[in-house]
Amino acid sequence: MKWQRSWWIGLGLCLLVACGRSADLQTLQTTGRCLNCQLRGAQLAGLTLEGGILTGTNLAGANLQQAVLTGADLRRVNLRGANLQGANLEGANLGEADLTGANLQGANLRQANLFRAQLQGANVQGADLRQAVLFGADLTETQLTQADLVGANYSDSTQFPPGFDPVSQLMERVK
């Protein structure tokens, strides 16, 4: 696991405004892991946490702009309303994550697992979702303008915005 402390300033500000439990922030800072933590509204812009484990963590409203979370375990994470603009989530496991209303504009979600993820109302404009797994994902009301979905896998249970045609986006339906 590779992670850096380049986000210390944001972490210090977060501690000052009590945006997350300080013990959870300390755990994340020292180990790169934080299971079921409370980091709601945390200021973690620029965080580098490759392969980090944040399963079940509450990051609702957090600022993870430009964060590097490649290969991270983000299963069942609450990222409702979070700012992930320009974040690198390549190969991350976001299975059953709640990304409702999240800003993923320009994010790298290439080969990410979004199995049964909630993306209603999320902004994924210009995001890279090539070869992502979208089985059972809810993309209703999601802004998909200029998102690259080539080779992304979807199933009959994947929900798209009205009028969206996955075939025209070169997505692959898997039964």
C-alpha atoms as a PDB file:
ATOM      1  CA  MET A   1       0.000   0.000   0.000  1.00  0.00           C
ATOM      2  CA  LYS A   2       1.349   3.373  -0.997  1.00  0.00           C
ATOM      3  CA  TRP A   3       0.111   6.533   0.682  1.00  0.00           C
ATOM      4  CA  GLN A   4       1.574   9.895   1.473  1.00  0.00           C
ATOM      5  CA  ARG A   5       1.015  12.594   4.009  1.00  0.00           C
ATOM      6  CA  SER A   6       0.630  15.359   1.423  1.00  0.00           C
ATOM      7  CA  TRP A   7      -2.808  16.074   2.840  1.00  0.00           C
ATOM      8  CA  TRP A   8      -1.632  17.041   6.355  1.00  0.00           C
ATOM      9  CA  ILE A   9      -2.795  20.630   5.970  1.00  0.00           C
ATOM     10  CA  GLY A  10      -6.318  19.515   5.044  1.00  0.00           C
ATOM     11  CA  LEU A  11      -6.258  16.972   7.853  1.00  0.00           C
ATOM     12  CA  GLY A  12      -5.207  19.621  10.369  1.00  0.00           C
ATOM     13  CA  LEU A  13      -8.016  21.909   9.263  1.00  0.00           C
ATOM     14  CA  CYS A  14     -10.411  19.011   9.516  1.00  0.00           C
ATOM     15  CA  LEU A  15      -9.361  18.379  13.100  1.00  0.00           C
ATOM     16  CA  LEU A  16      -9.831  22.040  13.969  1.00  0.00           C
ATOM     17  CA  VAL A  17     -13.428  22.032  12.745  1.00  0.00           C
ATOM     18  CA  ALA A  18     -14.206  18.546  14.062  1.00  0.00           C
ATOM     19  CA  CYS A  19     -15.353  17.285  10.656  1.00  0.00           C
ATOM     20  CA  GLY A  20     -14.609  13.716  11.657  1.00  0.00           C
ATOM     21  CA  ARG A  21     -13.745  11.848  14.794  1.00  0.00           C
ATOM     22  CA  SER A  22     -10.097  12.583  15.535  1.00  0.00           C
ATOM     23  CA  ALA A  23      -9.415   8.925  16.387  1.00  0.00           C
ATOM     24  CA  ASP A  24     -10.682   7.888  12.934  1.00  0.00           C
ATOM     25  CA  LEU A  25      -8.517  10.515  11.250  1.00  0.00           C
ATOM     26  CA  GLN A  26      -5.536   9.365  13.297  1.00  0.00           C
ATOM     27  CA  THR A  27      -6.171   5.762  12.241  1.00  0.00           C
ATOM     28  CA  LEU A  28      -6.380   6.746   8.578  1.00  0.00           C
ATOM     29  CA  GLN A  29      -3.242   8.863   8.835  1.00  0.00           C
ATOM     30  CA  THR A  30      -1.108   6.207  10.504  1.00  0.00           C
ATOM     31  CA  THR A  31      -2.337   2.997   8.837  1.00  0.00           C
ATOM     32  CA  GLY A  32      -4.057   3.887   5.565  1.00  0.00           C
ATOM     33  CA  ARG A  33      -7.077   1.950   6.842  1.00  0.00           C
ATOM     34  CA  CYS A  34     -10.280   3.117   8.412  1.00  0.00           C
ATOM     35  CA  LEU A  35     -13.127   0.612   8.623  1.00  0.00           C
ATOM     36  CA  ASN A  36     -16.608   1.990   9.399  1.00  0.00           C
ATOM     37  CA  CYS A  37     -15.123   5.365  10.324  1.00  0.00           C
ATOM     38  CA  GLN A  38     -16.958   8.678  10.677  1.00  0.00           C
ATOM     39  CA  LEU A  39     -15.255  11.166   8.358  1.00  0.00           C
ATOM     40  CA  ARG A  40     -18.317  13.111   7.257  1.00  0.00           C
ATOM     41  CA  GLY A  41     -17.298  16.416   5.647  1.00  0.00           C
ATOM     42  CA  ALA A  42     -13.575  15.681   6.001  1.00  0.00           C
ATOM     43  CA  GLN A  43     -11.187  17.889   4.023  1.00  0.00           C
ATOM     44  CA  LEU A  44      -9.010  15.289   2.303  1.00  0.00           C
ATOM     45  CA  ALA A  45      -8.325  17.015  -1.017  1.00  0.00           C
ATOM     46  CA  GLY A  46      -5.165  15.633  -2.627  1.00  0.00           C
ATOM     47  CA  LEU A  47      -5.106  12.582  -0.357  1.00  0.00           C
ATOM     48  CA  THR A  48      -2.932   9.766  -1.723  1.00  0.00           C
ATOM     49  CA  LEU A  49      -4.092   6.404  -0.408  1.00  0.00           C
ATOM     50  CA  GLU A  50      -3.384   3.780  -3.042  1.00  0.00           C
ATOM     51  CA  GLY A  51      -4.850   0.432  -2.007  1.00  0.00           C
ATOM     52  CA  GLY A  52      -6.335   1.972   1.137  1.00  0.00           C
ATOM     53  CA  ILE A  53      -9.145   0.251   2.990  1.00  0.00           C
ATOM     54  CA  LEU A  54     -12.124   2.434   3.903  1.00  0.00           C
ATOM     55  CA  THR A  55     -14.910  -0.159   3.866  1.00  0.00           C
ATOM     56  CA  GLY A  56     -18.156   1.134   5.377  1.00  0.00           C
ATOM     57  CA  THR A  57     -16.743   4.583   6.139  1.00  0.00           C
ATOM     58  CA  ASN A  58     -18.992   7.659   6.183  1.00  0.00           C
ATOM     59  CA  LEU A  59     -17.441  10.273   3.885  1.00  0.00           C
ATOM     60  CA  ALA A  60     -20.690  12.090   3.082  1.00  0.00           C
ATOM     61  CA  GLY A  61     -19.933  15.636   1.954  1.00  0.00           C
ATOM     62  CA  ALA A  62     -16.173  15.047   2.163  1.00  0.00           C
ATOM     63  CA  ASN A  63     -13.765  16.894  -0.107  1.00  0.00           C
ATOM     64  CA  LEU A  64     -11.664  14.305  -1.927  1.00  0.00           C
ATOM     65  CA  GLN A  65     -10.923  16.498  -4.925  1.00  0.00           C
ATOM     66  CA  GLN A  66      -7.844  15.229  -6.818  1.00  0.00           C
ATOM     67  CA  ALA A  67      -7.456  12.353  -4.310  1.00  0.00           C
ATOM     68  CA  VAL A  68      -5.573   9.247  -5.444  1.00  0.00           C
ATOM     69  CA  LEU A  69      -7.491   6.164  -4.349  1.00  0.00           C
ATOM     70  CA  THR A  70      -6.347   3.675  -6.975  1.00  0.00           C
ATOM     71  CA  GLY A  71      -7.211   0.112  -6.017  1.00  0.00           C
ATOM     72  CA  ALA A  72      -8.824   1.276  -2.759  1.00  0.00           C
ATOM     73  CA  ASP A  73     -11.492  -0.795  -1.000  1.00  0.00           C
ATOM     74  CA  LEU A  74     -14.457   1.570  -0.772  1.00  0.00           C
ATOM     75  CA  ARG A  75     -17.220  -1.007  -0.484  1.00  0.00           C
ATOM     76  CA  ARG A  76     -20.397   0.289   1.170  1.00  0.00           C
ATOM     77  CA  VAL A  77     -18.815   3.734   1.676  1.00  0.00           C
ATOM     78  CA  ASN A  78     -21.152   6.715   2.056  1.00  0.00           C
ATOM     79  CA  LEU A  79     -19.913   9.338  -0.410  1.00  0.00           C
ATOM     80  CA  ARG A  80     -23.272  11.087  -0.700  1.00  0.00           C
ATOM     81  CA  GLY A  81     -22.659  14.653  -1.895  1.00  0.00           C
ATOM     82  CA  ALA A  82     -18.866  14.212  -1.748  1.00  0.00           C
ATOM     83  CA  ASN A  83     -16.515  16.128  -4.029  1.00  0.00           C
ATOM     84  CA  LEU A  84     -14.400  13.640  -5.991  1.00  0.00           C
ATOM     85  CA  GLN A  85     -13.715  15.973  -8.900  1.00  0.00           C
ATOM     86  CA  GLY A  86     -10.578  14.835 -10.713  1.00  0.00           C
ATOM     87  CA  ALA A  87     -10.021  11.965  -8.256  1.00  0.00           C
ATOM     88  CA  ASN A  88      -8.190   8.844  -9.402  1.00  0.00           C
ATOM     89  CA  LEU A  89     -10.282   5.795  -8.467  1.00  0.00           C
ATOM     90  CA  GLU A  90      -8.873   3.468 -11.102  1.00  0.00           C
ATOM     91  CA  GLY A  91      -9.498  -0.147 -10.113  1.00  0.00           C
ATOM     92  CA  ALA A  92     -11.193   0.895  -6.856  1.00  0.00           C
ATOM     93  CA  ASN A  93     -13.913  -1.294  -5.380  1.00  0.00           C
ATOM     94  CA  LEU A  94     -16.981   0.916  -4.899  1.00  0.00           C
ATOM     95  CA  GLY A  95     -19.429  -1.965  -4.653  1.00  0.00           C
ATOM     96  CA  GLU A  96     -22.687  -0.873  -2.974  1.00  0.00           C
ATOM     97  CA  ALA A  97     -21.236   2.607  -2.350  1.00  0.00           C
ATOM     98  CA  ASP A  98     -23.622   5.559  -2.043  1.00  0.00           C
ATOM     99  CA  LEU A  99     -22.466   8.245  -4.481  1.00  0.00           C
ATOM    100  CA  THR A 100     -25.830  10.000  -4.659  1.00  0.00           C
ATOM    101  CA  GLY A 101     -25.283  13.611  -5.716  1.00  0.00           C
ATOM    102  CA  ALA A 102     -21.492  13.218  -5.680  1.00  0.00           C
ATOM    103  CA  ASN A 103     -19.266  15.288  -7.956  1.00  0.00           C
ATOM    104  CA  LEU A 104     -17.157  12.874 -10.025  1.00  0.00           C
ATOM    105  CA  GLN A 105     -16.518  15.321 -12.847  1.00  0.00           C
ATOM    106  CA  GLY A 106     -13.314  14.357 -14.642  1.00  0.00           C
ATOM    107  CA  ALA A 107     -12.660  11.473 -12.239  1.00  0.00           C
ATOM    108  CA  ASN A 108     -10.797   8.343 -13.323  1.00  0.00           C
ATOM    109  CA  LEU A 109     -13.046   5.354 -12.624  1.00  0.00           C
ATOM    110  CA  ARG A 110     -11.433   3.097 -15.199  1.00  0.00           C
ATOM    111  CA  GLN A 111     -11.916  -0.579 -14.269  1.00  0.00           C
ATOM    112  CA  ALA A 112     -13.639   0.452 -11.033  1.00  0.00           C
ATOM    113  CA  ASN A 113     -16.191  -1.906  -9.512  1.00  0.00           C
ATOM    114  CA  LEU A 114     -19.482  -0.025  -9.106  1.00  0.00           C
ATOM    115  CA  PHE A 115     -21.618  -3.123  -8.468  1.00  0.00           C
ATOM    116  CA  ARG A 116     -24.993  -1.968  -7.108  1.00  0.00           C
ATOM    117  CA  ALA A 117     -23.585   1.519  -6.461  1.00  0.00           C
ATOM    118  CA  GLN A 118     -26.037   4.401  -6.024  1.00  0.00           C
ATOM    119  CA  LEU A 119     -25.161   7.231  -8.415  1.00  0.00           C
ATOM    120  CA  GLN A 120     -28.511   9.042  -8.654  1.00  0.00           C
ATOM    121  CA  GLY A 121     -27.958  12.688  -9.480  1.00  0.00           C
ATOM    122  CA  ALA A 122     -24.164  12.307  -9.516  1.00  0.00           C
ATOM    123  CA  ASN A 123     -22.093  14.421 -11.895  1.00  0.00           C
ATOM    124  CA  VAL A 124     -19.806  12.150 -13.930  1.00  0.00           C
ATOM    125  CA  GLN A 125     -19.297  14.581 -16.806  1.00  0.00           C
ATOM    126  CA  GLY A 126     -15.999  13.889 -18.523  1.00  0.00           C
ATOM    127  CA  ALA A 127     -15.246  10.953 -16.202  1.00  0.00           C
ATOM    128  CA  ASP A 128     -13.372   7.880 -17.444  1.00  0.00           C
ATOM    129  CA  LEU A 129     -15.542   4.817 -16.813  1.00  0.00           C
ATOM    130  CA  ARG A 130     -13.906   2.577 -19.418  1.00  0.00           C
ATOM    131  CA  GLN A 131     -14.190  -1.089 -18.473  1.00  0.00           C
ATOM    132  CA  ALA A 132     -15.967  -0.233 -15.211  1.00  0.00           C
ATOM    133  CA  VAL A 133     -18.405  -2.753 -13.756  1.00  0.00           C
ATOM    134  CA  LEU A 134     -21.877  -1.236 -13.466  1.00  0.00           C
ATOM    135  CA  PHE A 135     -23.969  -4.334 -12.695  1.00  0.00           C
ATOM    136  CA  GLY A 136     -27.092  -3.222 -10.832  1.00  0.00           C
ATOM    137  CA  ALA A 137     -25.844   0.366 -10.502  1.00  0.00           C
ATOM    138  CA  ASP A 138     -28.447   3.132 -10.280  1.00  0.00           C
ATOM    139  CA  LEU A 139     -27.495   5.912 -12.698  1.00  0.00           C
ATOM    140  CA  THR A 140     -30.905   7.583 -12.837  1.00  0.00           C
ATOM    141  CA  GLU A 141     -30.631  11.366 -13.071  1.00  0.00           C
ATOM    142  CA  THR A 142     -26.849  11.009 -13.435  1.00  0.00           C
ATOM    143  CA  GLN A 143     -25.088  13.546 -15.661  1.00  0.00           C
ATOM    144  CA  LEU A 144     -23.183  11.363 -18.141  1.00  0.00           C
ATOM    145  CA  THR A 145     -22.241  14.079 -20.653  1.00  0.00           C
ATOM    146  CA  GLN A 146     -18.836  13.365 -22.209  1.00  0.00           C
ATOM    147  CA  ALA A 147     -18.231  10.421 -19.854  1.00  0.00           C
ATOM    148  CA  ASP A 148     -16.166   7.679 -21.504  1.00  0.00           C
ATOM    149  CA  LEU A 149     -18.108   4.432 -21.027  1.00  0.00           C
ATOM    150  CA  VAL A 150     -16.409   2.334 -23.716  1.00  0.00           C
ATOM    151  CA  GLY A 151     -16.254  -1.292 -22.609  1.00  0.00           C
ATOM    152  CA  ALA A 152     -18.068  -0.638 -19.318  1.00  0.00           C
ATOM    153  CA  ASN A 153     -20.097  -3.675 -18.295  1.00  0.00           C
ATOM    154  CA  TYR A 154     -23.768  -3.378 -17.407  1.00  0.00           C
ATOM    155  CA  SER A 155     -26.604  -5.794 -16.730  1.00  0.00           C
ATOM    156  CA  ASP A 156     -30.364  -5.813 -17.096  1.00  0.00           C
ATOM    157  CA  SER A 157     -30.574  -4.475 -13.535  1.00  0.00           C
ATOM    158  CA  THR A 158     -28.461  -1.388 -14.314  1.00  0.00           C
ATOM    159  CA  GLN A 159     -30.652   1.734 -14.296  1.00  0.00           C
ATOM    160  CA  PHE A 160     -29.813   4.538 -16.731  1.00  0.00           C
ATOM    161  CA  PRO A 161     -31.148   8.084 -17.140  1.00  0.00           C
ATOM    162  CA  PRO A 162     -34.191   8.345 -19.438  1.00  0.00           C
ATOM    163  CA  GLY A 163     -33.172   8.252 -23.104  1.00  0.00           C
ATOM    164  CA  PHE A 164     -29.640   7.006 -22.417  1.00  0.00           C
ATOM    165  CA  ASP A 165     -28.504   4.323 -24.885  1.00  0.00           C
ATOM    166  CA  PRO A 166     -25.649   2.161 -23.545  1.00  0.00           C
ATOM    167  CA  VAL A 167     -25.134   0.507 -26.949  1.00  0.00           C
ATOM    168  CA  SER A 168     -24.336   3.866 -28.581  1.00  0.00           C
ATOM    169  CA  GLN A 169     -21.728   4.424 -25.851  1.00  0.00           C
ATOM    170  CA  LEU A 170     -20.070   1.088 -26.771  1.00  0.00           C
ATOM    171  CA  MET A 171     -20.879  -0.403 -23.386  1.00  0.00           C
ATOM    172  CA  GLU A 172     -21.044  -4.193 -23.006  1.00  0.00           C
ATOM    173  CA  ARG A 173     -24.161  -5.902 -21.726  1.00  0.00           C
ATOM    174  CA  VAL A 174     -23.344  -8.950 -19.628  1.00  0.00           C
ATOM    175  CA  LYS A 175     -26.068 -11.423 -18.702  1.00  0.00           C
END
